Amino acid sequence: MTVVRHYSGYIAALSTRTSYDLDGFPRPQVDEDLRRRLETKLIISILGFDLN
């Protein structure tokens, strides 16, 4: 979907979490579950949009 693709960067930024490696250094990582939930909410909102 074009709209989902348009917002993919924003969704990835919203779903980025900081995890720490074995040495204790922070590492940003996309939370895939959260990313999918945000995409699903966007798709549901698009489908519920009234065009009339």
N, C-alpha and C. Protein backbone atom coordinates (compact mmCIF):
# COMPACT_ATOMS: atom_id res chain seq x y z
N MET A 1 0.84 -1.18 0.00
CA MET A 1 0.00 0.00 0.00
C MET A 1 0.88 1.24 0.00
N THR A 2 0.50 2.20 -0.77
CA THR A 2 1.29 3.41 -0.92
C THR A 2 1.33 4.22 0.37
N VAL A 3 0.20 4.32 1.06
CA VAL A 3 0.15 5.11 2.29
C VAL A 3 1.03 4.48 3.37
N VAL A 4 0.97 3.18 3.51
CA VAL A 4 1.79 2.49 4.50
C VAL A 4 3.27 2.67 4.17
N ARG A 5 3.61 2.59 2.91
CA ARG A 5 5.00 2.79 2.49
C ARG A 5 5.44 4.22 2.80
N HIS A 6 4.53 5.19 2.60
CA HIS A 6 4.84 6.59 2.87
C HIS A 6 5.18 6.80 4.35
N TYR A 7 4.45 6.15 5.22
CA TYR A 7 4.65 6.31 6.66
C TYR A 7 5.62 5.31 7.26
N SER A 8 6.24 4.47 6.48
CA SER A 8 7.10 3.42 7.02
C SER A 8 8.29 3.97 7.81
N GLY A 9 8.88 5.05 7.36
CA GLY A 9 9.99 5.65 8.10
C GLY A 9 9.56 6.20 9.44
N TYR A 10 8.41 6.86 9.46
CA TYR A 10 7.87 7.41 10.70
C TYR A 10 7.51 6.29 11.67
N ILE A 11 6.89 5.24 11.14
CA ILE A 11 6.53 4.09 11.97
C ILE A 11 7.78 3.43 12.54
N ALA A 12 8.81 3.31 11.73
CA ALA A 12 10.07 2.72 12.21
C ALA A 12 10.69 3.58 13.31
N ALA A 13 10.62 4.89 13.15
CA ALA A 13 11.16 5.78 14.18
C ALA A 13 10.37 5.66 15.48
N LEU A 14 9.05 5.56 15.37
CA LEU A 14 8.22 5.42 16.57
C LEU A 14 8.44 4.09 17.27
N SER A 15 8.79 3.06 16.52
CA SER A 15 8.93 1.73 17.11
C SER A 15 10.38 1.36 17.43
N THR A 16 11.28 2.32 17.37
CA THR A 16 12.68 2.07 17.68
C THR A 16 12.90 2.10 19.19
N ARG A 17 13.53 1.08 19.70
CA ARG A 17 13.84 0.96 21.12
C ARG A 17 15.36 0.80 21.27
N THR A 18 15.86 1.21 22.41
CA THR A 18 17.29 1.07 22.67
C THR A 18 17.53 -0.23 23.44
N SER A 19 18.38 -1.06 22.87
CA SER A 19 18.80 -2.27 23.58
C SER A 19 20.30 -2.15 23.82
N TYR A 20 20.80 -2.94 24.73
CA TYR A 20 22.22 -2.86 25.09
C TYR A 20 22.90 -4.18 24.78
N ASP A 21 24.08 -4.08 24.16
CA ASP A 21 24.82 -5.30 23.82
C ASP A 21 25.53 -5.84 25.06
N LEU A 22 26.29 -6.89 24.89
CA LEU A 22 26.95 -7.54 26.03
C LEU A 22 27.97 -6.64 26.72
N ASP A 23 28.51 -5.67 25.98
CA ASP A 23 29.49 -4.75 26.56
C ASP A 23 28.83 -3.53 27.20
N GLY A 24 27.51 -3.44 27.11
CA GLY A 24 26.79 -2.33 27.73
C GLY A 24 26.59 -1.13 26.84
N PHE A 25 26.91 -1.27 25.56
CA PHE A 25 26.74 -0.15 24.65
C PHE A 25 25.31 -0.13 24.10
N PRO A 26 24.72 1.07 24.04
CA PRO A 26 23.35 1.16 23.52
C PRO A 26 23.30 0.90 22.02
N ARG A 27 22.23 0.26 21.60
CA ARG A 27 22.06 -0.05 20.18
C ARG A 27 20.58 0.11 19.83
N PRO A 28 20.26 1.07 18.96
CA PRO A 28 18.86 1.23 18.57
C PRO A 28 18.40 0.05 17.73
N GLN A 29 17.20 -0.40 17.99
CA GLN A 29 16.68 -1.57 17.30
C GLN A 29 15.17 -1.41 17.14
N VAL A 30 14.66 -1.75 15.95
CA VAL A 30 13.23 -1.64 15.69
C VAL A 30 12.51 -2.81 16.36
N ASP A 31 11.50 -2.48 17.16
CA ASP A 31 10.65 -3.49 17.79
C ASP A 31 9.63 -3.92 16.74
N GLU A 32 9.82 -5.10 16.18
CA GLU A 32 8.99 -5.57 15.07
C GLU A 32 7.52 -5.75 15.46
N ASP A 33 7.26 -6.18 16.68
CA ASP A 33 5.87 -6.32 17.13
C ASP A 33 5.17 -4.97 17.16
N LEU A 34 5.84 -3.98 17.71
CA LEU A 34 5.27 -2.64 17.78
C LEU A 34 5.10 -2.06 16.38
N ARG A 35 6.07 -2.28 15.51
CA ARG A 35 5.98 -1.78 14.13
C ARG A 35 4.76 -2.36 13.43
N ARG A 36 4.55 -3.66 13.57
CA ARG A 36 3.38 -4.32 12.95
C ARG A 36 2.07 -3.80 13.53
N ARG A 37 2.04 -3.57 14.85
CA ARG A 37 0.81 -3.05 15.47
C ARG A 37 0.49 -1.65 14.95
N LEU A 38 1.52 -0.81 14.80
CA LEU A 38 1.30 0.53 14.28
C LEU A 38 0.85 0.49 12.82
N GLU A 39 1.44 -0.38 12.03
CA GLU A 39 1.01 -0.53 10.63
C GLU A 39 -0.44 -1.01 10.57
N THR A 40 -0.80 -1.94 11.42
CA THR A 40 -2.17 -2.46 11.44
C THR A 40 -3.15 -1.37 11.82
N LYS A 41 -2.81 -0.55 12.81
CA LYS A 41 -3.68 0.56 13.20
C LYS A 41 -3.85 1.54 12.04
N LEU A 42 -2.79 1.80 11.31
CA LEU A 42 -2.87 2.71 10.17
C LEU A 42 -3.78 2.13 9.10
N ILE A 43 -3.63 0.85 8.79
CA ILE A 43 -4.47 0.21 7.77
C ILE A 43 -5.93 0.22 8.19
N ILE A 44 -6.21 -0.07 9.46
CA ILE A 44 -7.60 -0.04 9.94
C ILE A 44 -8.17 1.37 9.83
N SER A 45 -7.37 2.38 10.14
CA SER A 45 -7.83 3.76 10.02
C SER A 45 -8.11 4.13 8.57
N ILE A 46 -7.27 3.66 7.67
CA ILE A 46 -7.47 3.93 6.24
C ILE A 46 -8.76 3.28 5.76
N LEU A 47 -8.98 2.04 6.15
CA LEU A 47 -10.18 1.32 5.72
C LEU A 47 -11.45 1.92 6.32
N GLY A 48 -11.35 2.55 7.47
CA GLY A 48 -12.51 3.16 8.11
C GLY A 48 -12.77 4.59 7.67
N PHE A 49 -11.95 5.12 6.78
CA PHE A 49 -12.10 6.50 6.32
C PHE A 49 -13.31 6.62 5.41
N ASP A 50 -14.19 7.58 5.73
CA ASP A 50 -15.42 7.78 4.96
C ASP A 50 -15.13 8.68 3.75
N LEU A 51 -15.37 8.17 2.57
CA LEU A 51 -15.12 8.94 1.34
C LEU A 51 -16.33 9.73 0.87
N ASN A 52 -17.46 9.54 1.51
CA ASN A 52 -18.68 10.24 1.09
C ASN A 52 -18.86 11.54 1.81
